[in-house]
Amino acid sequence: MTNNIEGRGGAVTAASVRSWLRERIRRGRLVPGQRLVEADIIAETGASRARVREALQRLEAEGLVAIEEFRGASVRRLSADEIRQIYRARLALEGIAAHDFAMADDPVRKTELVRLQDEMNTLEDTGDHRRFAALNDEWHDLILDGAGNDYIRTFVDRLRLPLYRLLFSAFYQPSRIDEANRGHRKVTAAILSGDAAAAETEMRQHIADALNAVSQLEDDLPS
């Protein structure tokens, strides 16, 4: 049984295969180190071999896939040092985004920020990890949008992709929802008050705390 996907006009494009694979990597259905067999992907998606290879090459450029001569493609496994480097880059970029959003005259997005924060507050002590992870994504995305800097948005999206499974797994640690939301509340309050310096500082601390949480997932951090 296949899960054929379609692009425009019914043709399976490299972009649609890339999105299909990316989502499975994000959700942990394809795990680090797992081989990505072209024949299996063709059978699942209905794509041509050329489109599958193009999709894998694009995912390699995004940092999600490793392609080795004679061994083919596999889901890329990040080292602990690579993960720290990614978080340090996010720390700087998302700090700037929070700073710029705080300074922006954008009442619509700031009203949406209040709504998201209120909903996240209701999830403390609930253990609803999946819903909180989804809201966490929306919160970060909204701040990136509010910053109005397309370059920061592009770079951060690229940095977050290889970490998605770890980020999601981290929310299953005891008390992680409450810890993360404490950081959210501080960033949100600073943005809403227009305190750009505090917004940047609190966001940088929030990302640093996230790195600490992910670092506790020892099985997912190869040396």
Protein backbone atom coordinates (compact mmCIF):
# COMPACT_ATOMS: atom_id res chain seq x y z
CA MET A 1 0.00 0.00 0.00
CA THR A 2 1.42 3.38 -1.00
CA ASN A 3 1.00 6.90 0.31
CA ASN A 4 1.37 8.54 -3.09
CA ILE A 5 1.73 12.28 -2.97
CA GLU A 6 0.91 14.71 -5.71
CA GLY A 7 2.33 17.98 -6.90
CA ARG A 8 0.81 20.43 -9.31
CA GLY A 9 -1.11 18.81 -12.14
CA GLY A 10 -0.89 15.42 -10.45
CA ALA A 11 2.86 15.05 -10.99
CA VAL A 12 4.99 14.10 -8.01
CA THR A 13 7.62 16.81 -7.79
CA ALA A 14 10.96 16.83 -6.00
CA ALA A 15 9.54 19.56 -3.74
CA SER A 16 6.61 17.38 -2.67
CA VAL A 17 8.93 14.43 -1.98
CA ARG A 18 11.20 16.72 0.01
CA SER A 19 8.28 17.97 2.09
CA TRP A 20 7.07 14.39 2.63
CA LEU A 21 10.46 13.24 3.87
CA ARG A 22 11.07 16.40 5.91
CA GLU A 23 7.85 15.96 7.84
CA ARG A 24 8.68 12.33 8.66
CA ILE A 25 12.10 13.36 9.91
CA ARG A 26 10.58 16.18 11.96
CA ARG A 27 8.06 13.85 13.57
CA GLY A 28 10.58 11.11 14.33
CA ARG A 29 9.12 8.57 11.90
CA LEU A 30 12.55 8.55 10.26
CA VAL A 31 15.27 8.62 12.91
CA PRO A 32 18.93 9.74 12.88
CA GLY A 33 21.11 7.19 11.14
CA GLN A 34 18.21 5.49 9.35
CA ARG A 35 18.90 4.70 5.70
CA LEU A 36 16.68 6.34 3.11
CA VAL A 37 16.31 3.73 0.38
CA GLU A 38 15.38 5.22 -2.97
CA ALA A 39 13.29 2.22 -4.02
CA ASP A 40 11.24 2.44 -0.82
CA ILE A 41 10.62 6.17 -1.26
CA ILE A 42 9.58 5.62 -4.87
CA ALA A 43 7.13 2.90 -3.79
CA GLU A 44 5.69 5.10 -1.01
CA THR A 45 5.38 8.34 -2.96
CA GLY A 46 5.00 7.32 -6.59
CA ALA A 47 7.81 9.70 -7.54
CA SER A 48 10.41 9.05 -10.22
CA ARG A 49 13.95 8.09 -9.22
CA ALA A 50 15.23 11.42 -10.54
CA ARG A 51 12.78 13.37 -8.34
CA VAL A 52 13.67 11.30 -5.28
CA ARG A 53 17.37 11.91 -5.81
CA GLU A 54 16.77 15.63 -6.27
CA ALA A 55 14.74 15.72 -3.05
CA LEU A 56 17.48 13.93 -1.12
CA GLN A 57 20.11 16.34 -2.44
CA ARG A 58 18.00 19.29 -1.33
CA LEU A 59 17.56 17.77 2.12
CA GLU A 60 21.31 17.25 2.32
CA ALA A 61 21.74 20.98 1.67
CA GLU A 62 19.26 21.67 4.50
CA GLY A 63 21.31 19.55 6.89
CA LEU A 64 18.67 16.85 7.37
CA VAL A 65 20.20 14.11 5.23
CA ALA A 66 23.71 12.74 4.76
CA ILE A 67 24.66 11.22 1.40
CA GLU A 68 27.73 9.00 1.26
CA GLU A 69 29.32 7.43 -1.79
CA PHE A 70 28.50 3.72 -2.09
CA ARG A 71 26.23 3.89 0.98
CA GLY A 72 23.50 6.21 -0.18
CA ALA A 73 21.38 8.56 1.92
CA SER A 74 20.48 8.45 5.59
CA VAL A 75 18.91 10.76 8.14
CA ARG A 76 21.72 12.93 9.42
CA ARG A 77 22.90 12.37 12.98
CA LEU A 78 24.10 15.53 14.71
CA SER A 79 26.94 15.47 17.21
CA ALA A 80 26.62 17.18 20.59
CA ASP A 81 29.01 19.88 19.40
CA GLU A 82 26.97 20.54 16.27
CA ILE A 83 23.82 20.87 18.37
CA ARG A 84 25.54 23.38 20.65
CA GLN A 85 26.68 25.40 17.63
CA ILE A 86 23.16 25.46 16.21
CA TYR A 87 21.72 26.64 19.51
CA ARG A 88 24.32 29.37 19.84
CA ALA A 89 23.38 30.64 16.39
CA ARG A 90 19.68 30.51 17.28
CA LEU A 91 20.39 32.29 20.55
CA ALA A 92 21.82 35.28 18.70
CA LEU A 93 19.31 35.39 15.85
CA GLU A 94 16.14 34.84 17.88
CA GLY A 95 17.40 37.35 20.43
CA ILE A 96 17.54 39.95 17.67
CA ALA A 97 14.07 38.91 16.48
CA ALA A 98 12.59 39.41 19.95
CA HIS A 99 14.34 42.80 20.21
CA ASP A 100 12.95 43.97 16.87
CA PHE A 101 9.44 42.65 17.52
CA ALA A 102 9.37 44.58 20.81
CA MET A 103 10.18 47.76 18.88
CA ALA A 104 7.68 47.10 16.10
CA ASP A 105 4.34 48.89 15.81
CA ASP A 106 2.39 45.70 15.16
CA PRO A 107 -0.72 45.52 17.39
CA VAL A 108 -2.24 42.62 15.44
CA ARG A 109 0.70 40.28 15.97
CA LYS A 110 1.14 41.42 19.57
CA THR A 111 -2.51 40.62 20.25
CA GLU A 112 -1.89 37.17 18.79
CA LEU A 113 1.16 36.84 21.06
CA VAL A 114 -1.10 37.46 24.07
CA ARG A 115 -3.51 34.78 22.85
CA LEU A 116 -0.74 32.22 22.38
CA GLN A 117 0.77 33.01 25.77
CA ASP A 118 -2.60 32.67 27.49
CA GLU A 119 -3.16 29.27 25.89
CA MET A 120 0.33 28.06 26.85
CA ASN A 121 -0.32 29.18 30.42
CA THR A 122 -3.34 26.86 30.60
CA LEU A 123 -1.15 23.87 29.72
CA GLU A 124 1.12 24.08 32.75
CA ASP A 125 0.70 21.03 35.00
CA THR A 126 -1.36 19.27 32.32
CA GLY A 127 1.28 17.06 30.69
CA ASP A 128 -0.18 17.91 27.26
CA HIS A 129 3.24 17.78 25.63
CA ARG A 130 2.05 17.56 22.04
CA ARG A 131 -0.16 20.64 22.26
CA PHE A 132 2.51 22.63 24.06
CA ALA A 133 5.12 21.68 21.45
CA ALA A 134 2.77 22.90 18.69
CA LEU A 135 2.10 26.19 20.51
CA ASN A 136 5.82 26.60 21.15
CA ASP A 137 6.40 26.44 17.38
CA GLU A 138 3.66 29.02 16.78
CA TRP A 139 5.11 31.33 19.44
CA HIS A 140 8.61 31.26 17.96
CA ASP A 141 7.22 31.66 14.43
CA LEU A 142 5.14 34.66 15.46
CA ILE A 143 8.14 36.41 16.99
CA LEU A 144 10.17 35.76 13.86
CA ASP A 145 7.35 37.16 11.74
CA GLY A 146 7.00 40.16 14.04
CA ALA A 147 10.68 41.00 13.66
CA GLY A 148 10.10 41.66 9.96
CA ASN A 149 13.53 40.37 8.94
CA ASP A 150 13.32 37.79 6.17
CA TYR A 151 16.99 36.86 6.51
CA ILE A 152 16.66 36.01 10.19
CA ARG A 153 13.50 34.04 9.45
CA THR A 154 15.21 32.02 6.71
CA PHE A 155 18.31 31.27 8.80
CA VAL A 156 16.36 30.29 11.91
CA ASP A 157 14.02 28.02 9.95
CA ARG A 158 17.07 26.28 8.53
CA LEU A 159 18.61 25.91 11.99
CA ARG A 160 15.47 24.57 13.64
CA LEU A 161 14.77 21.80 11.14
CA PRO A 162 17.52 19.35 12.19
CA LEU A 163 16.59 19.89 15.85
CA TYR A 164 12.86 19.38 15.62
CA ARG A 165 12.77 15.82 16.94
CA LEU A 166 15.00 16.73 19.87
CA LEU A 167 12.90 19.79 20.65
CA PHE A 168 9.75 17.69 20.61
CA SER A 169 11.34 14.97 22.77
CA ALA A 170 12.54 17.54 25.29
CA PHE A 171 8.97 18.48 26.15
CA TYR A 172 8.44 14.95 27.49
CA GLN A 173 10.93 15.58 30.28
CA PRO A 174 9.28 16.12 33.67
CA SER A 175 8.47 19.79 34.34
CA ARG A 176 9.80 20.91 30.92
CA ILE A 177 6.50 22.55 29.97
CA ASP A 178 6.53 24.68 33.11
CA GLU A 179 10.21 25.59 32.70
CA ALA A 180 9.83 26.54 29.04
CA ASN A 181 6.70 28.57 29.68
CA ARG A 182 8.41 30.59 32.40
CA GLY A 183 10.81 31.71 29.70
CA HIS A 184 7.96 32.36 27.30
CA ARG A 185 6.19 34.59 29.81
CA LYS A 186 9.30 36.70 30.37
CA VAL A 187 9.91 37.18 26.65
CA THR A 188 6.25 37.91 25.97
CA ALA A 189 6.06 40.48 28.76
CA ALA A 190 9.16 42.28 27.51
CA ILE A 191 7.88 42.39 23.93
CA LEU A 192 4.46 43.68 24.97
CA SER A 193 6.01 46.39 27.17
CA GLY A 194 8.24 47.50 24.29
CA ASP A 195 11.42 46.77 26.28
CA ALA A 196 13.60 45.63 23.37
CA ALA A 197 16.76 45.09 25.42
CA ALA A 198 14.93 42.89 27.94
CA ALA A 199 13.18 40.99 25.15
CA GLU A 200 16.54 40.12 23.58
CA THR A 201 18.08 39.14 26.92
CA GLU A 202 15.14 36.95 27.92
CA MET A 203 14.98 35.26 24.53
CA ARG A 204 18.69 34.47 24.64
CA GLN A 205 18.21 32.94 28.10
CA HIS A 206 15.18 30.98 26.89
CA ILE A 207 17.20 29.44 24.04
CA ALA A 208 20.07 28.67 26.41
CA ASP A 209 17.62 26.91 28.73
CA ALA A 210 16.31 24.91 25.77
CA LEU A 211 19.84 23.77 24.96
CA ASN A 212 20.26 22.63 28.55
CA ALA A 213 17.02 20.63 28.34
CA VAL A 214 18.02 19.00 25.05
CA SER A 215 21.49 18.22 26.42
CA GLN A 216 19.85 16.00 29.03
CA LEU A 217 18.68 13.68 26.26
CA GLU A 218 21.96 11.77 26.35
CA ASP A 219 20.91 9.02 23.93
CA ASP A 220 20.25 11.61 21.23
CA LEU A 221 23.59 13.38 21.61
CA PRO A 222 26.40 11.27 20.13
CA SER A 223 29.93 12.29 21.04
